[in-house]
Amino acid sequence: MLIRYKMSKTKDYKEIKNRFYTLIQDETELGIVTALHWYKTLNLKKISIMINKPESTSLRYIRKLKDQGIIVFDSEKSEDSWGKFYKLSSHSKTIYDEYMQAIDYQLETYAEEFKEFKSLSEKKLTEQVLKELFKPEKLASIPASQSYFNFVSNLQNVMINETINEVKEIAKLIEEKGKDIIVENIIVSPMDMSVYVSAIKISKWKHVFMMNELIFSFLDQIDKLKKEIEEEMDKEKIPEDQRSTQFLNIFTGNLDVSFKFEG
């Protein structure tokens, strides 16, 4: 019986993993899975807000992902709160972590490649970059990358709307009850919503690598800060429901993408 159980478990894992690598090409499905990865457990209303879809549409996707073993019903959270809550299955958690680790590894590899490519001439560097860009596995990952970009963009809009709505609610309370009463009695979770926009003219692939080197250095510092803050909260035994998630999204892009043939 034990051997049979292990075989069944392995088969389930493989099936879920295969399904996972098809869902990452679907913006809505990837959005639900990513939201549950970030927030651990969510109800239908919150999932709908996160993916910017009507609840009826969200529920249809949730049922589909639940039937496929990607997500499961969170009975513990549902008993303590209003409505049904959902979370990633244990297999999905593992697979998502592997997926994100693979992305992190790609970024680390990219950073290491920069060190190797720095000394190359611009012509050699261009050839090397194009060889990497047009590898079959890189081309195959384009739909998944596009889905993820779109989801993050939608999530950014949701955060803007949510924050502005909350600020409007506070402003309404201040108008009704007076500023002093509200300021003395209100507790607002720490947050910051900022947009920092800059642009730089470039003409060489080397310039792209130079910018990315700065970004990787900054992200390393953010990772260190993240660990430092988590250790502080653990030491002070801050409950999970009092820890809000502050997102940091760095986007780089170009409005002048083009190509031409020499000769």
C-alpha atoms as a PDB file:
ATOM      1  CA  MET A   1       0.000   0.000   0.000  1.00  0.00           C
ATOM      2  CA  LEU A   2       2.812   2.409   0.872  1.00  0.00           C
ATOM      3  CA  ILE A   3       4.538   1.861  -2.470  1.00  0.00           C
ATOM      4  CA  ARG A   4       1.269   2.350  -4.320  1.00  0.00           C
ATOM      5  CA  TYR A   5       0.622   5.613  -2.453  1.00  0.00           C
ATOM      6  CA  LYS A   6       4.055   6.980  -3.331  1.00  0.00           C
ATOM      7  CA  MET A   7       3.582   6.143  -6.993  1.00  0.00           C
ATOM      8  CA  SER A   8       0.175   7.868  -6.997  1.00  0.00           C
ATOM      9  CA  LYS A   9       1.628  10.935  -5.302  1.00  0.00           C
ATOM     10  CA  THR A  10       4.441  11.141  -7.854  1.00  0.00           C
ATOM     11  CA  LYS A  11       1.972  10.863 -10.709  1.00  0.00           C
ATOM     12  CA  ASP A  12      -0.190  13.648  -9.233  1.00  0.00           C
ATOM     13  CA  TYR A  13       2.864  15.865  -8.914  1.00  0.00           C
ATOM     14  CA  LYS A  14       3.880  15.278 -12.534  1.00  0.00           C
ATOM     15  CA  GLU A  15       0.356  15.964 -13.779  1.00  0.00           C
ATOM     16  CA  ILE A  16       0.103  19.191 -11.759  1.00  0.00           C
ATOM     17  CA  LYS A  17       3.561  20.270 -12.920  1.00  0.00           C
ATOM     18  CA  ASN A  18       2.600  19.709 -16.576  1.00  0.00           C
ATOM     19  CA  ARG A  19      -0.624  21.650 -16.012  1.00  0.00           C
ATOM     20  CA  PHE A  20       1.279  24.451 -14.240  1.00  0.00           C
ATOM     21  CA  TYR A  21       3.528  25.026 -17.237  1.00  0.00           C
ATOM     22  CA  THR A  22       0.475  25.500 -19.455  1.00  0.00           C
ATOM     23  CA  LEU A  23      -1.391  27.791 -17.058  1.00  0.00           C
ATOM     24  CA  ILE A  24       1.535  30.248 -16.874  1.00  0.00           C
ATOM     25  CA  GLN A  25       0.659  31.154 -20.464  1.00  0.00           C
ATOM     26  CA  ASP A  26      -2.844  32.203 -19.396  1.00  0.00           C
ATOM     27  CA  GLU A  27      -2.919  35.667 -17.817  1.00  0.00           C
ATOM     28  CA  THR A  28      -5.972  34.997 -15.612  1.00  0.00           C
ATOM     29  CA  GLU A  29      -4.850  31.594 -14.335  1.00  0.00           C
ATOM     30  CA  LEU A  30      -1.337  32.852 -13.684  1.00  0.00           C
ATOM     31  CA  GLY A  31      -2.827  35.857 -11.898  1.00  0.00           C
ATOM     32  CA  ILE A  32      -4.832  33.661  -9.505  1.00  0.00           C
ATOM     33  CA  VAL A  33      -1.881  31.383  -8.766  1.00  0.00           C
ATOM     34  CA  THR A  34       0.506  34.305  -8.252  1.00  0.00           C
ATOM     35  CA  ALA A  35      -1.959  36.127  -5.983  1.00  0.00           C
ATOM     36  CA  LEU A  36      -2.345  32.994  -3.839  1.00  0.00           C
ATOM     37  CA  HIS A  37       1.426  32.563  -3.762  1.00  0.00           C
ATOM     38  CA  TRP A  38       1.854  36.113  -2.431  1.00  0.00           C
ATOM     39  CA  TYR A  39      -1.079  36.185  -0.006  1.00  0.00           C
ATOM     40  CA  LYS A  40      -1.198  32.461   0.939  1.00  0.00           C
ATOM     41  CA  THR A  41      -5.019  32.398   1.194  1.00  0.00           C
ATOM     42  CA  LEU A  42      -7.728  34.560  -0.413  1.00  0.00           C
ATOM     43  CA  ASN A  43     -11.496  34.540  -0.866  1.00  0.00           C
ATOM     44  CA  LEU A  44     -13.354  35.008  -4.139  1.00  0.00           C
ATOM     45  CA  LYS A  45     -13.863  38.758  -3.662  1.00  0.00           C
ATOM     46  CA  LYS A  46     -10.179  39.450  -3.065  1.00  0.00           C
ATOM     47  CA  ILE A  47      -9.063  37.193  -5.935  1.00  0.00           C
ATOM     48  CA  SER A  48     -11.445  39.033  -8.276  1.00  0.00           C
ATOM     49  CA  ILE A  49      -9.961  42.371  -7.215  1.00  0.00           C
ATOM     50  CA  MET A  50      -6.401  41.086  -7.632  1.00  0.00           C
ATOM     51  CA  ILE A  51      -6.931  39.808 -11.182  1.00  0.00           C
ATOM     52  CA  ASN A  52      -9.370  42.604 -12.121  1.00  0.00           C
ATOM     53  CA  LYS A  53     -12.156  40.234 -13.251  1.00  0.00           C
ATOM     54  CA  PRO A  54     -15.865  39.881 -12.299  1.00  0.00           C
ATOM     55  CA  GLU A  55     -16.541  37.399  -9.489  1.00  0.00           C
ATOM     56  CA  SER A  56     -18.482  35.117 -11.858  1.00  0.00           C
ATOM     57  CA  THR A  57     -15.453  34.861 -14.173  1.00  0.00           C
ATOM     58  CA  SER A  58     -13.053  34.415 -11.270  1.00  0.00           C
ATOM     59  CA  LEU A  59     -15.189  31.641  -9.760  1.00  0.00           C
ATOM     60  CA  ARG A  60     -15.190  29.759 -13.063  1.00  0.00           C
ATOM     61  CA  TYR A  61     -11.380  29.819 -13.149  1.00  0.00           C
ATOM     62  CA  ILE A  62     -11.121  28.928  -9.446  1.00  0.00           C
ATOM     63  CA  ARG A  63     -13.318  25.837  -9.914  1.00  0.00           C
ATOM     64  CA  LYS A  64     -11.253  24.780 -12.908  1.00  0.00           C
ATOM     65  CA  LEU A  65      -7.938  25.148 -11.046  1.00  0.00           C
ATOM     66  CA  LYS A  66      -9.406  23.392  -7.991  1.00  0.00           C
ATOM     67  CA  ASP A  67     -10.578  20.432 -10.104  1.00  0.00           C
ATOM     68  CA  GLN A  68      -7.064  20.153 -11.537  1.00  0.00           C
ATOM     69  CA  GLY A  69      -5.404  20.127  -8.108  1.00  0.00           C
ATOM     70  CA  ILE A  70      -3.682  23.500  -8.593  1.00  0.00           C
ATOM     71  CA  ILE A  71      -5.551  25.170  -5.735  1.00  0.00           C
ATOM     72  CA  VAL A  72      -7.491  23.761  -2.769  1.00  0.00           C
ATOM     73  CA  PHE A  73     -10.195  24.903  -0.364  1.00  0.00           C
ATOM     74  CA  ASP A  74      -8.705  26.467   2.788  1.00  0.00           C
ATOM     75  CA  SER A  75     -11.035  24.995   5.408  1.00  0.00           C
ATOM     76  CA  GLU A  76      -9.132  26.434   8.386  1.00  0.00           C
ATOM     77  CA  LYS A  77      -9.269  30.042   7.152  1.00  0.00           C
ATOM     78  CA  SER A  78     -12.869  29.635   5.952  1.00  0.00           C
ATOM     79  CA  GLU A  79     -13.980  28.520   9.427  1.00  0.00           C
ATOM     80  CA  ASP A  80     -12.429  31.616  11.037  1.00  0.00           C
ATOM     81  CA  SER A  81     -13.580  34.135   8.398  1.00  0.00           C
ATOM     82  CA  TRP A  82     -16.528  35.001   6.217  1.00  0.00           C
ATOM     83  CA  GLY A  83     -16.832  33.135   2.914  1.00  0.00           C
ATOM     84  CA  LYS A  84     -14.759  30.452   1.220  1.00  0.00           C
ATOM     85  CA  PHE A  85     -11.007  30.864   1.094  1.00  0.00           C
ATOM     86  CA  TYR A  86      -8.590  29.187  -1.303  1.00  0.00           C
ATOM     87  CA  LYS A  87      -4.873  28.426  -1.254  1.00  0.00           C
ATOM     88  CA  LEU A  88      -2.293  26.706  -3.442  1.00  0.00           C
ATOM     89  CA  SER A  89      -2.034  22.919  -3.123  1.00  0.00           C
ATOM     90  CA  SER A  90       1.194  21.643  -1.567  1.00  0.00           C
ATOM     91  CA  HIS A  91       2.379  20.443  -4.993  1.00  0.00           C
ATOM     92  CA  SER A  92       1.591  23.818  -6.567  1.00  0.00           C
ATOM     93  CA  LYS A  93       3.535  25.642  -3.842  1.00  0.00           C
ATOM     94  CA  THR A  94       6.586  23.513  -4.557  1.00  0.00           C
ATOM     95  CA  ILE A  95       6.270  23.920  -8.335  1.00  0.00           C
ATOM     96  CA  TYR A  96       5.736  27.693  -8.084  1.00  0.00           C
ATOM     97  CA  ASP A  97       8.800  28.030  -5.855  1.00  0.00           C
ATOM     98  CA  GLU A  98      10.827  26.020  -8.394  1.00  0.00           C
ATOM     99  CA  TYR A  99       9.508  28.266 -11.179  1.00  0.00           C
ATOM    100  CA  MET A 100      10.510  31.446  -9.321  1.00  0.00           C
ATOM    101  CA  GLN A 101      13.900  29.947  -8.410  1.00  0.00           C
ATOM    102  CA  ALA A 102      14.452  29.256 -12.109  1.00  0.00           C
ATOM    103  CA  ILE A 103      13.676  32.903 -12.893  1.00  0.00           C
ATOM    104  CA  ASP A 104      16.034  34.039 -10.127  1.00  0.00           C
ATOM    105  CA  TYR A 105      18.706  31.729 -11.511  1.00  0.00           C
ATOM    106  CA  GLN A 106      18.233  33.253 -14.977  1.00  0.00           C
ATOM    107  CA  LEU A 107      18.724  36.717 -13.482  1.00  0.00           C
ATOM    108  CA  GLU A 108      21.837  35.576 -11.616  1.00  0.00           C
ATOM    109  CA  THR A 109      23.143  33.963 -14.794  1.00  0.00           C
ATOM    110  CA  TYR A 110      22.423  37.167 -16.699  1.00  0.00           C
ATOM    111  CA  ALA A 111      24.370  39.145 -14.096  1.00  0.00           C
ATOM    112  CA  GLU A 112      27.292  36.727 -14.331  1.00  0.00           C
ATOM    113  CA  GLU A 113      27.207  36.827 -18.133  1.00  0.00           C
ATOM    114  CA  PHE A 114      27.548  40.592 -17.986  1.00  0.00           C
ATOM    115  CA  LYS A 115      30.886  40.224 -16.221  1.00  0.00           C
ATOM    116  CA  GLU A 116      32.063  37.902 -18.998  1.00  0.00           C
ATOM    117  CA  PHE A 117      30.654  40.039 -21.816  1.00  0.00           C
ATOM    118  CA  LYS A 118      31.991  43.366 -20.529  1.00  0.00           C
ATOM    119  CA  SER A 119      35.281  42.977 -22.345  1.00  0.00           C
ATOM    120  CA  LEU A 120      33.675  42.010 -25.694  1.00  0.00           C
ATOM    121  CA  SER A 121      33.472  44.410 -28.594  1.00  0.00           C
ATOM    122  CA  GLU A 122      29.975  45.735 -29.344  1.00  0.00           C
ATOM    123  CA  LYS A 123      29.774  43.515 -32.444  1.00  0.00           C
ATOM    124  CA  LYS A 124      30.680  40.363 -30.499  1.00  0.00           C
ATOM    125  CA  LEU A 125      28.367  41.357 -27.660  1.00  0.00           C
ATOM    126  CA  THR A 126      25.459  41.866 -30.071  1.00  0.00           C
ATOM    127  CA  GLU A 127      26.045  38.432 -31.630  1.00  0.00           C
ATOM    128  CA  GLN A 128      26.166  36.799 -28.201  1.00  0.00           C
ATOM    129  CA  VAL A 129      22.949  38.495 -27.017  1.00  0.00           C
ATOM    130  CA  LEU A 130      21.033  37.547 -30.166  1.00  0.00           C
ATOM    131  CA  LYS A 131      22.147  33.922 -29.875  1.00  0.00           C
ATOM    132  CA  GLU A 132      20.764  33.879 -26.333  1.00  0.00           C
ATOM    133  CA  LEU A 133      17.534  35.701 -27.228  1.00  0.00           C
ATOM    134  CA  PHE A 134      16.630  33.351 -30.061  1.00  0.00           C
ATOM    135  CA  LYS A 135      17.293  30.057 -28.326  1.00  0.00           C
ATOM    136  CA  PRO A 136      14.237  27.763 -28.761  1.00  0.00           C
ATOM    137  CA  GLU A 137      13.549  27.697 -24.992  1.00  0.00           C
ATOM    138  CA  LYS A 138      13.650  31.520 -24.851  1.00  0.00           C
ATOM    139  CA  LEU A 139      11.216  31.851 -27.757  1.00  0.00           C
ATOM    140  CA  ALA A 140       8.934  29.227 -26.177  1.00  0.00           C
ATOM    141  CA  SER A 141       8.752  31.254 -22.965  1.00  0.00           C
ATOM    142  CA  ILE A 142       7.438  34.425 -24.668  1.00  0.00           C
ATOM    143  CA  PRO A 143       3.690  33.727 -24.017  1.00  0.00           C
ATOM    144  CA  ALA A 144       4.343  33.023 -20.324  1.00  0.00           C
ATOM    145  CA  SER A 145       6.448  36.181 -20.009  1.00  0.00           C
ATOM    146  CA  GLN A 146       3.752  38.265 -21.668  1.00  0.00           C
ATOM    147  CA  SER A 147       1.074  36.839 -19.343  1.00  0.00           C
ATOM    148  CA  TYR A 148       3.189  37.653 -16.299  1.00  0.00           C
ATOM    149  CA  PHE A 149       3.899  41.211 -17.504  1.00  0.00           C
ATOM    150  CA  ASN A 150       0.184  41.793 -18.127  1.00  0.00           C
ATOM    151  CA  PHE A 151      -0.767  40.422 -14.717  1.00  0.00           C
ATOM    152  CA  VAL A 152       1.759  42.644 -12.911  1.00  0.00           C
ATOM    153  CA  SER A 153       0.479  45.651 -14.868  1.00  0.00           C
ATOM    154  CA  ASN A 154      -3.121  44.852 -13.874  1.00  0.00           C
ATOM    155  CA  LEU A 155      -2.056  44.306 -10.263  1.00  0.00           C
ATOM    156  CA  GLN A 156      -0.404  47.720 -10.250  1.00  0.00           C
ATOM    157  CA  ASN A 157      -3.683  49.317 -11.387  1.00  0.00           C
ATOM    158  CA  VAL A 158      -5.566  47.415  -8.657  1.00  0.00           C
ATOM    159  CA  MET A 159      -3.158  48.697  -5.974  1.00  0.00           C
ATOM    160  CA  ILE A 160      -3.578  52.266  -7.218  1.00  0.00           C
ATOM    161  CA  ASN A 161      -7.395  51.998  -7.162  1.00  0.00           C
ATOM    162  CA  GLU A 162      -7.469  50.260  -3.748  1.00  0.00           C
ATOM    163  CA  THR A 163      -5.168  52.832  -2.141  1.00  0.00           C
ATOM    164  CA  ILE A 164      -7.013  55.821  -3.602  1.00  0.00           C
ATOM    165  CA  ASN A 165     -10.382  54.379  -2.495  1.00  0.00           C
ATOM    166  CA  GLU A 166      -9.096  53.901   1.068  1.00  0.00           C
ATOM    167  CA  VAL A 167      -7.715  57.464   1.141  1.00  0.00           C
ATOM    168  CA  LYS A 168     -11.081  58.755  -0.096  1.00  0.00           C
ATOM    169  CA  GLU A 169     -12.844  56.833   2.692  1.00  0.00           C
ATOM    170  CA  ILE A 170     -10.549  58.390   5.308  1.00  0.00           C
ATOM    171  CA  ALA A 171     -11.116  61.851   3.775  1.00  0.00           C
ATOM    172  CA  LYS A 172     -14.876  61.261   4.029  1.00  0.00           C
ATOM    173  CA  LEU A 173     -14.580  60.305   7.708  1.00  0.00           C
ATOM    174  CA  ILE A 174     -12.489  63.422   8.402  1.00  0.00           C
ATOM    175  CA  GLU A 175     -15.187  65.560   6.780  1.00  0.00           C
ATOM    176  CA  GLU A 176     -17.916  63.885   8.883  1.00  0.00           C
ATOM    177  CA  LYS A 177     -16.174  63.588  12.271  1.00  0.00           C
ATOM    178  CA  GLY A 178     -13.337  66.086  12.156  1.00  0.00           C
ATOM    179  CA  LYS A 179      -9.640  65.694  11.525  1.00  0.00           C
ATOM    180  CA  ASP A 180      -8.472  65.626  15.145  1.00  0.00           C
ATOM    181  CA  ILE A 181     -10.769  62.731  16.156  1.00  0.00           C
ATOM    182  CA  ILE A 182      -9.774  60.633  13.139  1.00  0.00           C
ATOM    183  CA  VAL A 183      -6.029  61.288  13.471  1.00  0.00           C
ATOM    184  CA  GLU A 184      -6.100  60.384  17.176  1.00  0.00           C
ATOM    185  CA  ASN A 185      -8.056  57.150  16.732  1.00  0.00           C
ATOM    186  CA  ILE A 186      -7.305  55.734  13.288  1.00  0.00           C
ATOM    187  CA  ILE A 187      -4.712  53.030  12.620  1.00  0.00           C
ATOM    188  CA  VAL A 188      -3.477  52.875   9.022  1.00  0.00           C
ATOM    189  CA  SER A 189      -1.251  50.047   7.862  1.00  0.00           C
ATOM    190  CA  PRO A 190       2.202  51.275   6.739  1.00  0.00           C
ATOM    191  CA  MET A 191       2.415  51.710   2.993  1.00  0.00           C
ATOM    192  CA  ASP A 192       3.890  53.844   0.273  1.00  0.00           C
ATOM    193  CA  MET A 193       2.696  54.251  -3.301  1.00  0.00           C
ATOM    194  CA  SER A 194       5.242  55.992  -5.475  1.00  0.00           C
ATOM    195  CA  VAL A 195       6.234  56.144  -9.112  1.00  0.00           C
ATOM    196  CA  TYR A 196       9.818  56.936 -10.032  1.00  0.00           C
ATOM    197  CA  VAL A 197      10.263  57.513 -13.754  1.00  0.00           C
ATOM    198  CA  SER A 198      13.519  58.092 -15.542  1.00  0.00           C
ATOM    199  CA  ALA A 199      14.713  57.691 -19.111  1.00  0.00           C
ATOM    200  CA  ILE A 200      18.132  57.324 -20.638  1.00  0.00           C
ATOM    201  CA  LYS A 201      19.253  57.393 -24.264  1.00  0.00           C
ATOM    202  CA  ILE A 202      21.184  54.277 -25.316  1.00  0.00           C
ATOM    203  CA  SER A 203      22.831  53.092 -28.525  1.00  0.00           C
ATOM    204  CA  LYS A 204      24.657  49.880 -27.564  1.00  0.00           C
ATOM    205  CA  TRP A 205      23.833  46.552 -25.930  1.00  0.00           C
ATOM    206  CA  LYS A 206      26.603  47.365 -23.491  1.00  0.00           C
ATOM    207  CA  HIS A 207      24.466  50.248 -22.197  1.00  0.00           C
ATOM    208  CA  VAL A 208      21.625  47.828 -21.413  1.00  0.00           C
ATOM    209  CA  PHE A 209      23.986  45.591 -19.447  1.00  0.00           C
ATOM    210  CA  MET A 210      25.311  48.598 -17.533  1.00  0.00           C
ATOM    211  CA  MET A 211      21.796  49.597 -16.441  1.00  0.00           C
ATOM    212  CA  ASN A 212      20.902  46.045 -15.481  1.00  0.00           C
ATOM    213  CA  GLU A 213      24.037  45.738 -13.389  1.00  0.00           C
ATOM    214  CA  LEU A 214      22.798  48.666 -11.287  1.00  0.00           C
ATOM    215  CA  ILE A 215      19.335  47.082 -10.991  1.00  0.00           C
ATOM    216  CA  PHE A 216      20.782  43.728  -9.837  1.00  0.00           C
ATOM    217  CA  SER A 217      22.872  45.533  -7.236  1.00  0.00           C
ATOM    218  CA  PHE A 218      19.753  47.359  -5.985  1.00  0.00           C
ATOM    219  CA  LEU A 219      17.713  44.124  -5.815  1.00  0.00           C
ATOM    220  CA  ASP A 220      20.458  42.502  -3.761  1.00  0.00           C
ATOM    221  CA  GLN A 221      20.121  45.340  -1.269  1.00  0.00           C
ATOM    222  CA  ILE A 222      16.326  44.914  -1.215  1.00  0.00           C
ATOM    223  CA  ASP A 223      16.728  41.177  -0.487  1.00  0.00           C
ATOM    224  CA  LYS A 224      19.012  41.977   2.446  1.00  0.00           C
ATOM    225  CA  LEU A 225      16.525  44.549   3.744  1.00  0.00           C
ATOM    226  CA  LYS A 226      13.671  42.044   3.363  1.00  0.00           C
ATOM    227  CA  LYS A 227      15.513  39.497   5.543  1.00  0.00           C
ATOM    228  CA  GLU A 228      16.384  42.172   8.097  1.00  0.00           C
ATOM    229  CA  ILE A 229      12.735  43.306   8.396  1.00  0.00           C
ATOM    230  CA  GLU A 230      11.439  39.713   8.570  1.00  0.00           C
ATOM    231  CA  GLU A 231      13.888  38.911  11.371  1.00  0.00           C
ATOM    232  CA  GLU A 232      12.766  42.027  13.253  1.00  0.00           C
ATOM    233  CA  MET A 233       9.067  41.098  12.903  1.00  0.00           C
ATOM    234  CA  ASP A 234       9.746  37.492  13.944  1.00  0.00           C
ATOM    235  CA  LYS A 235      11.665  38.695  16.984  1.00  0.00           C
ATOM    236  CA  GLU A 236       8.793  41.000  17.944  1.00  0.00           C
ATOM    237  CA  LYS A 237       6.300  38.184  17.164  1.00  0.00           C
ATOM    238  CA  ILE A 238       4.215  40.332  14.823  1.00  0.00           C
ATOM    239  CA  PRO A 239       1.151  38.258  13.720  1.00  0.00           C
ATOM    240  CA  GLU A 240       0.905  37.416  10.020  1.00  0.00           C
ATOM    241  CA  ASP A 241      -2.346  39.361   9.635  1.00  0.00           C
ATOM    242  CA  GLN A 242      -0.524  42.521  10.782  1.00  0.00           C
ATOM    243  CA  ARG A 243       2.176  42.197   8.113  1.00  0.00           C
ATOM    244  CA  SER A 244       1.155  44.011   4.942  1.00  0.00           C
ATOM    245  CA  THR A 245       2.799  43.277   1.608  1.00  0.00           C
ATOM    246  CA  GLN A 246       4.683  46.189   0.033  1.00  0.00           C
ATOM    247  CA  PHE A 247       5.361  45.535  -3.644  1.00  0.00           C
ATOM    248  CA  LEU A 248       8.346  46.776  -5.565  1.00  0.00           C
ATOM    249  CA  ASN A 249       8.103  46.532  -9.334  1.00  0.00           C
ATOM    250  CA  ILE A 250      10.976  47.603 -11.583  1.00  0.00           C
ATOM    251  CA  PHE A 251      10.058  47.800 -15.245  1.00  0.00           C
ATOM    252  CA  THR A 252      12.410  48.650 -18.076  1.00  0.00           C
ATOM    253  CA  GLY A 253      11.395  48.922 -21.704  1.00  0.00           C
ATOM    254  CA  ASN A 254      11.949  50.729 -24.985  1.00  0.00           C
ATOM    255  CA  LEU A 255       9.540  52.534 -27.305  1.00  0.00           C
ATOM    256  CA  ASP A 256      11.967  52.449 -30.224  1.00  0.00           C
ATOM    257  CA  VAL A 257      12.390  48.686 -30.776  1.00  0.00           C
ATOM    258  CA  SER A 258      13.351  47.982 -34.401  1.00  0.00           C
ATOM    259  CA  PHE A 259      15.591  45.830 -36.521  1.00  0.00           C
ATOM    260  CA  LYS A 260      17.261  46.031 -39.913  1.00  0.00           C
ATOM    261  CA  PHE A 261      19.605  43.955 -42.059  1.00  0.00           C
ATOM    262  CA  GLU A 262      23.054  45.107 -42.948  1.00  0.00           C
ATOM    263  CA  GLY A 263      24.083  45.388 -46.569  1.00  0.00           C
END
